[in-house]
C-alpha atoms as a PDB file:
ATOM      1  CA  MET A   1     100.148 -92.870 -25.333  1.00  0.00           C
ATOM      2  CA  ARG A   2      97.841 -91.009 -22.974  1.00  0.00           C
ATOM      3  CA  SER A   3      94.817 -89.305 -24.504  1.00  0.00           C
ATOM      4  CA  ASN A   4      92.194 -87.053 -22.957  1.00  0.00           C
ATOM      5  CA  LEU A   5      88.540 -86.852 -23.914  1.00  0.00           C
ATOM      6  CA  LEU A   6      86.935 -83.445 -23.504  1.00  0.00           C
ATOM      7  CA  LEU A   7      83.320 -83.514 -22.391  1.00  0.00           C
ATOM      8  CA  VAL A   8      80.713 -80.796 -21.943  1.00  0.00           C
ATOM      9  CA  SER A   9      78.140 -80.853 -19.175  1.00  0.00           C
ATOM     10  CA  ALA A  10      75.827 -78.342 -17.581  1.00  0.00           C
ATOM     11  CA  ALA A  11      78.527 -77.958 -14.972  1.00  0.00           C
ATOM     12  CA  GLY A  12      81.125 -76.936 -17.527  1.00  0.00           C
ATOM     13  CA  LEU A  13      84.196 -78.418 -19.182  1.00  0.00           C
ATOM     14  CA  PHE A  14      86.189 -81.244 -17.637  1.00  0.00           C
ATOM     15  CA  ALA A  15      88.689 -83.803 -18.853  1.00  0.00           C
ATOM     16  CA  ILE A  16      88.807 -87.540 -18.405  1.00  0.00           C
ATOM     17  CA  GLY A  17      92.349 -88.913 -18.315  1.00  0.00           C
ATOM     18  CA  SER A  18      92.134 -92.305 -19.955  1.00  0.00           C
ATOM     19  CA  ALA A  19      95.191 -93.545 -18.070  1.00  0.00           C
ATOM     20  CA  ARG A  20      93.502 -93.265 -14.677  1.00  0.00           C
ATOM     21  CA  GLY A  21      89.825 -93.088 -15.654  1.00  0.00           C
ATOM     22  CA  GLN A  22      89.121 -90.435 -13.030  1.00  0.00           C
ATOM     23  CA  THR A  23      86.905 -87.374 -13.540  1.00  0.00           C
ATOM     24  CA  PRO A  24      87.909 -84.241 -11.634  1.00  0.00           C
ATOM     25  CA  ALA A  25      84.981 -82.653  -9.840  1.00  0.00           C
ATOM     26  CA  PRO A  26      83.545 -79.616 -11.649  1.00  0.00           C
ATOM     27  CA  LEU A  27      84.109 -76.202 -10.102  1.00  0.00           C
ATOM     28  CA  SER A  28      81.416 -75.357  -7.567  1.00  0.00           C
ATOM     29  CA  PHE A  29      80.550 -72.716  -5.007  1.00  0.00           C
ATOM     30  CA  GLU A  30      81.358 -73.520  -1.389  1.00  0.00           C
ATOM     31  CA  VAL A  31      78.043 -72.087  -0.161  1.00  0.00           C
ATOM     32  CA  ALA A  32      75.004 -70.986  -2.146  1.00  0.00           C
ATOM     33  CA  SER A  33      71.559 -69.677  -1.303  1.00  0.00           C
ATOM     34  CA  VAL A  34      68.694 -69.934  -3.835  1.00  0.00           C
ATOM     35  CA  LYS A  35      65.315 -68.426  -2.916  1.00  0.00           C
ATOM     36  CA  ALA A  36      62.176 -67.607  -4.879  1.00  0.00           C
ATOM     37  CA  ASN A  37      61.513 -63.898  -5.383  1.00  0.00           C
ATOM     38  CA  GLU A  38      57.870 -62.819  -5.577  1.00  0.00           C
ATOM     39  CA  SER A  39      58.433 -59.067  -5.216  1.00  0.00           C
ATOM     40  CA  ASN A  40      57.203 -58.154  -8.733  1.00  0.00           C
ATOM     41  CA  ASP A  41      60.078 -55.672  -8.836  1.00  0.00           C
ATOM     42  CA  GLN A  42      61.159 -54.590 -12.326  1.00  0.00           C
ATOM     43  CA  ARG A  43      64.833 -54.536 -11.398  1.00  0.00           C
ATOM     44  CA  ALA A  44      66.860 -57.727 -11.841  1.00  0.00           C
ATOM     45  CA  PRO A  45      70.568 -57.083 -11.204  1.00  0.00           C
ATOM     46  CA  SER A  46      73.301 -59.717 -11.128  1.00  0.00           C
ATOM     47  CA  MET A  47      76.990 -59.358 -10.339  1.00  0.00           C
ATOM     48  CA  ILE A  48      80.217 -61.359 -10.462  1.00  0.00           C
ATOM     49  CA  LEU A  49      82.411 -60.102  -7.635  1.00  0.00           C
ATOM     50  CA  PRO A  50      86.086 -60.575  -6.664  1.00  0.00           C
ATOM     51  CA  GLY A  51      86.959 -63.895  -5.073  1.00  0.00           C
ATOM     52  CA  GLY A  52      84.279 -65.830  -6.936  1.00  0.00           C
ATOM     53  CA  ARG A  53      81.085 -64.463  -5.409  1.00  0.00           C
ATOM     54  CA  PHE A  54      77.933 -64.333  -7.537  1.00  0.00           C
ATOM     55  CA  THR A  55      74.759 -62.466  -6.609  1.00  0.00           C
ATOM     56  CA  ALA A  56      71.487 -62.185  -8.505  1.00  0.00           C
ATOM     57  CA  THR A  57      68.262 -60.528  -7.387  1.00  0.00           C
ATOM     58  CA  ASN A  58      64.878 -61.172  -8.994  1.00  0.00           C
ATOM     59  CA  ASN A  59      66.468 -63.048 -11.914  1.00  0.00           C
ATOM     60  CA  THR A  60      64.531 -65.379 -14.193  1.00  0.00           C
ATOM     61  CA  VAL A  61      65.954 -68.836 -14.758  1.00  0.00           C
ATOM     62  CA  ARG A  62      66.571 -67.887 -18.379  1.00  0.00           C
ATOM     63  CA  ALA A  63      68.668 -64.917 -17.223  1.00  0.00           C
ATOM     64  CA  LEU A  64      70.686 -67.173 -14.916  1.00  0.00           C
ATOM     65  CA  ILE A  65      71.346 -69.659 -17.735  1.00  0.00           C
ATOM     66  CA  LEU A  66      72.332 -66.912 -20.161  1.00  0.00           C
ATOM     67  CA  ASN A  67      74.738 -65.523 -17.572  1.00  0.00           C
ATOM     68  CA  ALA A  68      76.217 -68.933 -16.755  1.00  0.00           C
ATOM     69  CA  TYR A  69      76.958 -69.687 -20.395  1.00  0.00           C
ATOM     70  CA  GLY A  70      77.996 -66.157 -21.366  1.00  0.00           C
ATOM     71  CA  ILE A  71      75.306 -65.832 -24.052  1.00  0.00           C
ATOM     72  CA  PHE A  72      73.353 -62.930 -22.600  1.00  0.00           C
ATOM     73  CA  ALA A  73      74.365 -60.664 -25.520  1.00  0.00           C
ATOM     74  CA  THR A  74      72.630 -62.958 -28.033  1.00  0.00           C
ATOM     75  CA  PRO A  75      69.767 -64.619 -26.113  1.00  0.00           C
ATOM     76  CA  TYR A  76      68.189 -66.137 -29.241  1.00  0.00           C
ATOM     77  CA  LEU A  77      71.056 -68.669 -29.188  1.00  0.00           C
ATOM     78  CA  LEU A  78      69.400 -70.301 -26.150  1.00  0.00           C
ATOM     79  CA  GLN A  79      66.599 -72.574 -27.300  1.00  0.00           C
ATOM     80  CA  ASP A  80      63.781 -74.685 -25.832  1.00  0.00           C
ATOM     81  CA  GLY A  81      62.832 -74.947 -22.179  1.00  0.00           C
ATOM     82  CA  PRO A  82      59.439 -74.557 -20.415  1.00  0.00           C
ATOM     83  CA  SER A  83      57.644 -71.205 -20.337  1.00  0.00           C
ATOM     84  CA  TRP A  84      58.132 -70.746 -16.581  1.00  0.00           C
ATOM     85  CA  ILE A  85      61.864 -70.069 -16.996  1.00  0.00           C
ATOM     86  CA  ASP A  86      60.770 -66.583 -18.131  1.00  0.00           C
ATOM     87  CA  SER A  87      58.380 -65.968 -15.232  1.00  0.00           C
ATOM     88  CA  ALA A  88      59.690 -67.701 -12.091  1.00  0.00           C
ATOM     89  CA  ARG A  89      62.260 -65.460 -10.401  1.00  0.00           C
ATOM     90  CA  TYR A  90      64.983 -66.196  -7.867  1.00  0.00           C
ATOM     91  CA  ASP A  91      67.547 -64.568  -5.620  1.00  0.00           C
ATOM     92  CA  VAL A  92      70.965 -66.225  -5.639  1.00  0.00           C
ATOM     93  CA  ASP A  93      73.901 -65.515  -3.343  1.00  0.00           C
ATOM     94  CA  ALA A  94      76.848 -67.877  -3.856  1.00  0.00           C
ATOM     95  CA  ARG A  95      80.474 -67.824  -2.752  1.00  0.00           C
ATOM     96  CA  ALA A  96      83.501 -69.812  -3.854  1.00  0.00           C
ATOM     97  CA  GLY A  97      85.924 -71.398  -1.437  1.00  0.00           C
ATOM     98  CA  SER A  98      89.008 -69.376  -0.583  1.00  0.00           C
ATOM     99  CA  ASP A  99      91.302 -71.612  -2.644  1.00  0.00           C
ATOM    100  CA  VAL A 100      89.200 -71.794  -5.844  1.00  0.00           C
ATOM    101  CA  ILE A 101      90.026 -68.395  -7.301  1.00  0.00           C
ATOM    102  CA  PRO A 102      93.415 -66.953  -6.317  1.00  0.00           C
ATOM    103  CA  ALA A 103      93.510 -63.473  -4.826  1.00  0.00           C
ATOM    104  CA  GLY A 104      93.902 -60.830  -7.486  1.00  0.00           C
ATOM    105  CA  THR A 105      92.203 -62.854 -10.249  1.00  0.00           C
ATOM    106  CA  THR A 106      90.345 -60.339 -12.404  1.00  0.00           C
ATOM    107  CA  GLY A 107      88.582 -59.876 -15.715  1.00  0.00           C
ATOM    108  CA  ALA A 108      88.011 -62.799 -18.054  1.00  0.00           C
ATOM    109  CA  ALA A 109      89.641 -65.394 -15.766  1.00  0.00           C
ATOM    110  CA  LEU A 110      87.428 -64.408 -12.816  1.00  0.00           C
ATOM    111  CA  TRP A 111      84.261 -64.372 -14.931  1.00  0.00           C
ATOM    112  CA  GLU A 112      85.029 -67.705 -16.597  1.00  0.00           C
ATOM    113  CA  LYS A 113      85.605 -69.595 -13.341  1.00  0.00           C
ATOM    114  CA  THR A 114      82.618 -68.000 -11.624  1.00  0.00           C
ATOM    115  CA  ARG A 115      80.367 -68.878 -14.550  1.00  0.00           C
ATOM    116  CA  LEU A 116      81.588 -72.489 -14.455  1.00  0.00           C
ATOM    117  CA  MET A 117      80.538 -72.591 -10.797  1.00  0.00           C
ATOM    118  CA  LEU A 118      77.177 -71.059 -11.703  1.00  0.00           C
ATOM    119  CA  ARG A 119      76.660 -73.873 -14.233  1.00  0.00           C
ATOM    120  CA  THR A 120      77.305 -76.411 -11.480  1.00  0.00           C
ATOM    121  CA  LEU A 121      74.783 -74.634  -9.243  1.00  0.00           C
ATOM    122  CA  LEU A 122      72.147 -74.684 -12.008  1.00  0.00           C
ATOM    123  CA  ALA A 123      72.742 -78.395 -12.583  1.00  0.00           C
ATOM    124  CA  ASP A 124      72.404 -79.097  -8.839  1.00  0.00           C
ATOM    125  CA  ARG A 125      69.535 -76.837  -7.802  1.00  0.00           C
ATOM    126  CA  PHE A 126      67.556 -76.634 -11.069  1.00  0.00           C
ATOM    127  CA  LYS A 127      68.545 -80.043 -12.508  1.00  0.00           C
ATOM    128  CA  LEU A 128      69.588 -78.231 -15.670  1.00  0.00           C
ATOM    129  CA  SER A 129      71.019 -80.248 -18.529  1.00  0.00           C
ATOM    130  CA  MET A 130      72.085 -78.670 -21.808  1.00  0.00           C
ATOM    131  CA  ARG A 131      73.495 -79.678 -25.131  1.00  0.00           C
ATOM    132  CA  ARG A 132      75.411 -77.606 -27.654  1.00  0.00           C
ATOM    133  CA  GLU A 133      74.958 -77.704 -31.397  1.00  0.00           C
ATOM    134  CA  THR A 134      76.902 -75.905 -34.089  1.00  0.00           C
ATOM    135  CA  LYS A 135      74.800 -74.480 -36.901  1.00  0.00           C
ATOM    136  CA  GLU A 136      75.577 -72.465 -39.994  1.00  0.00           C
ATOM    137  CA  MET A 137      73.633 -69.217 -39.918  1.00  0.00           C
ATOM    138  CA  SER A 138      73.792 -65.658 -41.212  1.00  0.00           C
ATOM    139  CA  GLY A 139      76.217 -63.557 -39.235  1.00  0.00           C
ATOM    140  CA  TYR A 140      79.109 -61.131 -39.444  1.00  0.00           C
ATOM    141  CA  GLN A 141      82.830 -61.739 -39.387  1.00  0.00           C
ATOM    142  CA  MET A 142      84.909 -58.874 -38.052  1.00  0.00           C
ATOM    143  CA  VAL A 143      88.054 -58.252 -40.112  1.00  0.00           C
ATOM    144  CA  VAL A 144      90.704 -55.551 -40.472  1.00  0.00           C
ATOM    145  CA  VAL A 145      90.326 -53.071 -43.348  1.00  0.00           C
ATOM    146  CA  LYS A 146      93.099 -52.915 -45.953  1.00  0.00           C
ATOM    147  CA  SER A 147      94.571 -49.712 -44.518  1.00  0.00           C
ATOM    148  CA  GLY A 148      94.984 -51.361 -41.101  1.00  0.00           C
ATOM    149  CA  ALA A 149      93.339 -51.194 -37.702  1.00  0.00           C
ATOM    150  CA  LYS A 150      93.129 -47.964 -35.716  1.00  0.00           C
ATOM    151  CA  LEU A 151      93.467 -49.262 -32.181  1.00  0.00           C
ATOM    152  CA  GLN A 152      95.098 -47.647 -29.165  1.00  0.00           C
ATOM    153  CA  LYS A 153      97.160 -50.027 -27.047  1.00  0.00           C
ATOM    154  CA  SER A 154      96.077 -50.013 -23.411  1.00  0.00           C
ATOM    155  CA  ASP A 155      98.439 -49.452 -20.515  1.00  0.00           C
ATOM    156  CA  ARG A 156      95.807 -50.409 -17.926  1.00  0.00           C
ATOM    157  CA  ASP A 157      96.878 -52.449 -14.909  1.00  0.00           C
ATOM    158  CA  CYS A 158      94.377 -55.311 -15.092  1.00  0.00           C
ATOM    159  CA  SER A 159      95.388 -56.537 -11.638  1.00  0.00           C
ATOM    160  CA  ALA A 160      94.145 -53.312 -10.042  1.00  0.00           C
ATOM    161  CA  GLY A 161      90.615 -54.634  -9.579  1.00  0.00           C
ATOM    162  CA  ALA A 162      87.922 -56.951 -10.890  1.00  0.00           C
ATOM    163  CA  THR A 163      86.578 -54.297 -13.262  1.00  0.00           C
ATOM    164  CA  ALA A 164      89.874 -52.706 -14.297  1.00  0.00           C
ATOM    165  CA  CYS A 165      89.823 -54.347 -17.747  1.00  0.00           C
ATOM    166  CA  HIS A 166      87.585 -56.263 -20.147  1.00  0.00           C
ATOM    167  CA  GLY A 167      84.543 -54.036 -19.670  1.00  0.00           C
ATOM    168  CA  PHE A 168      82.599 -51.407 -21.572  1.00  0.00           C
ATOM    169  CA  SER A 169      80.585 -48.419 -20.454  1.00  0.00           C
ATOM    170  CA  GLY A 170      78.380 -46.102 -22.451  1.00  0.00           C
ATOM    171  CA  ASN A 171      74.948 -46.102 -24.047  1.00  0.00           C
ATOM    172  CA  PRO A 172      73.293 -47.074 -27.356  1.00  0.00           C
ATOM    173  CA  THR A 173      75.241 -44.336 -29.168  1.00  0.00           C
ATOM    174  CA  ARG A 174      78.653 -44.677 -27.557  1.00  0.00           C
ATOM    175  CA  LEU A 175      80.964 -47.410 -26.270  1.00  0.00           C
ATOM    176  CA  SER A 176      84.060 -46.851 -24.172  1.00  0.00           C
ATOM    177  CA  GLY A 177      86.231 -49.866 -23.395  1.00  0.00           C
ATOM    178  CA  MET A 178      89.333 -49.767 -21.219  1.00  0.00           C
ATOM    179  CA  GLY A 179      91.753 -52.664 -21.492  1.00  0.00           C
ATOM    180  CA  VAL A 180      89.529 -54.704 -23.807  1.00  0.00           C
ATOM    181  CA  ASP A 181      90.439 -57.331 -26.391  1.00  0.00           C
ATOM    182  CA  MET A 182      88.740 -58.376 -29.622  1.00  0.00           C
ATOM    183  CA  ASN A 183      86.616 -60.977 -27.839  1.00  0.00           C
ATOM    184  CA  ASP A 184      85.286 -58.245 -25.562  1.00  0.00           C
ATOM    185  CA  LEU A 185      84.484 -56.052 -28.566  1.00  0.00           C
ATOM    186  CA  VAL A 186      82.649 -58.887 -30.332  1.00  0.00           C
ATOM    187  CA  ALA A 187      80.581 -59.552 -27.198  1.00  0.00           C
ATOM    188  CA  ALA A 188      79.649 -55.861 -27.011  1.00  0.00           C
ATOM    189  CA  LEU A 189      78.714 -55.691 -30.707  1.00  0.00           C
ATOM    190  CA  ASN A 190      76.456 -58.712 -30.265  1.00  0.00           C
ATOM    191  CA  SER A 191      74.331 -56.551 -27.976  1.00  0.00           C
ATOM    192  CA  PHE A 192      73.543 -54.104 -30.771  1.00  0.00           C
ATOM    193  CA  LEU A 193      73.368 -56.195 -33.936  1.00  0.00           C
ATOM    194  CA  ASP A 194      70.717 -58.496 -35.348  1.00  0.00           C
ATOM    195  CA  ARG A 195      73.143 -61.323 -36.137  1.00  0.00           C
ATOM    196  CA  PRO A 196      76.020 -62.972 -34.264  1.00  0.00           C
ATOM    197  CA  VAL A 197      79.557 -61.677 -34.786  1.00  0.00           C
ATOM    198  CA  VAL A 198      82.791 -63.691 -34.855  1.00  0.00           C
ATOM    199  CA  ASP A 199      86.316 -62.319 -34.626  1.00  0.00           C
ATOM    200  CA  ARG A 200      88.488 -62.883 -37.704  1.00  0.00           C
ATOM    201  CA  THR A 201      90.932 -60.005 -37.124  1.00  0.00           C
ATOM    202  CA  GLY A 202      93.804 -62.071 -35.719  1.00  0.00           C
ATOM    203  CA  ILE A 203      94.525 -59.139 -33.385  1.00  0.00           C
ATOM    204  CA  GLU A 204      95.728 -59.928 -29.865  1.00  0.00           C
ATOM    205  CA  GLY A 205      96.346 -57.673 -26.897  1.00  0.00           C
ATOM    206  CA  LEU A 206      94.432 -55.091 -24.878  1.00  0.00           C
ATOM    207  CA  PHE A 207      93.201 -51.763 -26.210  1.00  0.00           C
ATOM    208  CA  ASP A 208      91.374 -48.618 -25.097  1.00  0.00           C
ATOM    209  CA  ILE A 209      88.433 -48.247 -27.484  1.00  0.00           C
ATOM    210  CA  LYS A 210      85.958 -45.457 -28.121  1.00  0.00           C
ATOM    211  CA  LEU A 211      83.196 -45.940 -30.661  1.00  0.00           C
ATOM    212  CA  GLN A 212      80.369 -43.538 -31.511  1.00  0.00           C
ATOM    213  CA  TRP A 213      77.541 -44.205 -33.941  1.00  0.00           C
ATOM    214  CA  ASN A 214      73.952 -43.328 -34.763  1.00  0.00           C
ATOM    215  CA  PRO A 215      71.629 -46.235 -33.848  1.00  0.00           C
ATOM    216  CA  PHE A 216      68.599 -44.282 -35.034  1.00  0.00           C
ATOM    217  CA  ALA A 217      69.511 -44.039 -38.724  1.00  0.00           C
ATOM    218  CA  ALA A 218      66.378 -43.911 -40.893  1.00  0.00           C
ATOM    219  CA  ARG A 219      64.287 -43.498 -37.742  1.00  0.00           C
ATOM    220  CA  PRO A 220      63.108 -40.442 -35.780  1.00  0.00           C
ATOM    221  CA  GLN A 221      65.841 -39.002 -33.597  1.00  0.00           C
ATOM    222  CA  PRO A 222      65.287 -39.225 -29.808  1.00  0.00           C
ATOM    223  CA  ASP A 223      64.758 -36.190 -27.639  1.00  0.00           C
ATOM    224  CA  ASP A 224      68.000 -34.711 -26.344  1.00  0.00           C
ATOM    225  CA  ALA A 225      67.406 -35.490 -22.665  1.00  0.00           C
ATOM    226  CA  PRO A 226      69.660 -33.881 -20.013  1.00  0.00           C
ATOM    227  CA  ARG A 227      72.767 -35.888 -19.129  1.00  0.00           C
ATOM    228  CA  ASN A 228      74.221 -36.840 -15.808  1.00  0.00           C
ATOM    229  CA  PRO A 229      76.976 -34.279 -14.995  1.00  0.00           C
ATOM    230  CA  ALA A 230      79.424 -37.089 -14.180  1.00  0.00           C
ATOM    231  CA  ALA A 231      78.825 -38.673 -17.597  1.00  0.00           C
ATOM    232  CA  GLU A 232      79.230 -35.282 -19.264  1.00  0.00           C
ATOM    233  CA  ALA A 233      82.594 -34.784 -17.546  1.00  0.00           C
ATOM    234  CA  ARG A 234      83.787 -38.300 -18.357  1.00  0.00           C
ATOM    235  CA  GLU A 235      82.611 -38.557 -21.955  1.00  0.00           C
ATOM    236  CA  GLY A 236      82.705 -34.935 -23.104  1.00  0.00           C
ATOM    237  CA  PRO A 237      80.002 -33.047 -24.999  1.00  0.00           C
ATOM    238  CA  ARG A 238      77.367 -35.164 -26.668  1.00  0.00           C
ATOM    239  CA  PRO A 239      77.682 -35.017 -30.454  1.00  0.00           C
ATOM    240  CA  ASP A 240      74.808 -34.341 -32.804  1.00  0.00           C
ATOM    241  CA  ILE A 241      73.467 -37.881 -33.237  1.00  0.00           C
ATOM    242  CA  ALA A 242      72.336 -37.215 -36.802  1.00  0.00           C
ATOM    243  CA  SER A 243      75.942 -36.422 -37.759  1.00  0.00           C
ATOM    244  CA  LEU A 244      77.235 -39.813 -36.604  1.00  0.00           C
ATOM    245  CA  PRO A 245      77.659 -42.805 -38.936  1.00  0.00           C
ATOM    246  CA  ASN A 246      75.837 -46.104 -38.543  1.00  0.00           C
ATOM    247  CA  ILE A 247      77.615 -48.798 -36.541  1.00  0.00           C
ATOM    248  CA  PHE A 248      79.137 -50.455 -39.635  1.00  0.00           C
ATOM    249  CA  ASP A 249      80.676 -47.227 -40.944  1.00  0.00           C
ATOM    250  CA  ALA A 250      81.720 -46.203 -37.427  1.00  0.00           C
ATOM    251  CA  LEU A 251      83.736 -49.403 -37.008  1.00  0.00           C
ATOM    252  CA  GLU A 252      85.582 -48.766 -40.285  1.00  0.00           C
ATOM    253  CA  GLN A 253      86.163 -45.046 -39.778  1.00  0.00           C
ATOM    254  CA  GLN A 254      87.024 -45.070 -36.076  1.00  0.00           C
ATOM    255  CA  LEU A 255      88.620 -48.493 -35.473  1.00  0.00           C
ATOM    256  CA  GLY A 256      89.699 -49.707 -38.917  1.00  0.00           C
ATOM    257  CA  LEU A 257      87.529 -52.822 -38.587  1.00  0.00           C
ATOM    258  CA  ARG A 258      84.823 -54.098 -40.912  1.00  0.00           C
ATOM    259  CA  LEU A 259      81.824 -56.386 -40.510  1.00  0.00           C
ATOM    260  CA  GLU A 260      81.291 -58.708 -43.455  1.00  0.00           C
ATOM    261  CA  SER A 261      78.076 -60.689 -43.955  1.00  0.00           C
ATOM    262  CA  ARG A 262      78.826 -64.397 -44.034  1.00  0.00           C
ATOM    263  CA  LYS A 263      77.401 -67.768 -43.187  1.00  0.00           C
ATOM    264  CA  ILE A 264      79.279 -68.576 -40.001  1.00  0.00           C
ATOM    265  CA  PRO A 265      79.310 -71.520 -37.580  1.00  0.00           C
ATOM    266  CA  VAL A 266      77.409 -70.510 -34.459  1.00  0.00           C
ATOM    267  CA  GLN A 267      77.093 -72.473 -31.239  1.00  0.00           C
ATOM    268  CA  ILE A 268      73.463 -73.004 -30.214  1.00  0.00           C
ATOM    269  CA  TYR A 269      72.574 -73.912 -26.620  1.00  0.00           C
ATOM    270  CA  VAL A 270      69.565 -76.215 -26.192  1.00  0.00           C
ATOM    271  CA  ILE A 271      67.825 -76.823 -22.850  1.00  0.00           C
ATOM    272  CA  GLU A 272      67.178 -80.548 -22.486  1.00  0.00           C
ATOM    273  CA  HIS A 273      65.818 -80.547 -18.930  1.00  0.00           C
ATOM    274  CA  VAL A 274      65.221 -78.037 -16.137  1.00  0.00           C
ATOM    275  CA  GLU A 275      63.183 -78.060 -12.918  1.00  0.00           C
ATOM    276  CA  ARG A 276      62.073 -75.418 -10.450  1.00  0.00           C
ATOM    277  CA  ALA A 277      64.786 -74.847  -7.887  1.00  0.00           C
ATOM    278  CA  ARG A 278      65.228 -76.619  -4.603  1.00  0.00           C
ATOM    279  CA  GLU A 279      65.395 -73.727  -2.149  1.00  0.00           C
ATOM    280  CA  ASN A 280      67.521 -73.596   0.983  1.00  0.00           C
END
């Protein structure tokens, strides 16, 4: 009987087939440039682009690691590491080979493969090694209310472009997701809540989601600053924030989903070793 052992490395997931004893090479970029950035600019954008290209400008090493492991929504799940990973900044421009990511690959599949290649780059250029631990901690499980979910099925063509599905737009009072699944929603909620969220809905498929809530409950309301005309046209009139429910009630009322406080298993990422990058 052939069995496979699944291992985790800083470069990502790979399998060892016991019958042959060979380890497939981890996914990696074909070409990659890593350079120190000493601009003192406040902006630090990063992008995953079609075809498996990754660019980052003025990013800290912590930001690169969070991006590579998809934990940027809940950064407290990344632990340890030297203090300079929050101060030293780099520009990265990396491209996959033409045969690594098939043409037309979009959404979650594109992001997953590109992030695996980013992990390989971090292991090579920054000598990053990581371990994962599972810990029980306070969190939320997202479930369906007794009356059922209120979700609109999406008819989006996810092959239309890299950003056609699996993404949200909005602001701290409003989320709009086109062609998103429950994993996407959980990732978005993790950006606004004080504890990690896990999906326990059992719901599959893609949906168009709109969620509005008041993030300033029990706090002074913000000034009603003028809006961008394009945002006004796309999202409609801004509601009176004070009239909106908190995020927990909004999920129940608008989507038929509920967040329940529970002790949940959460994956913690621990930095074992990292060095300043070898530039090229």
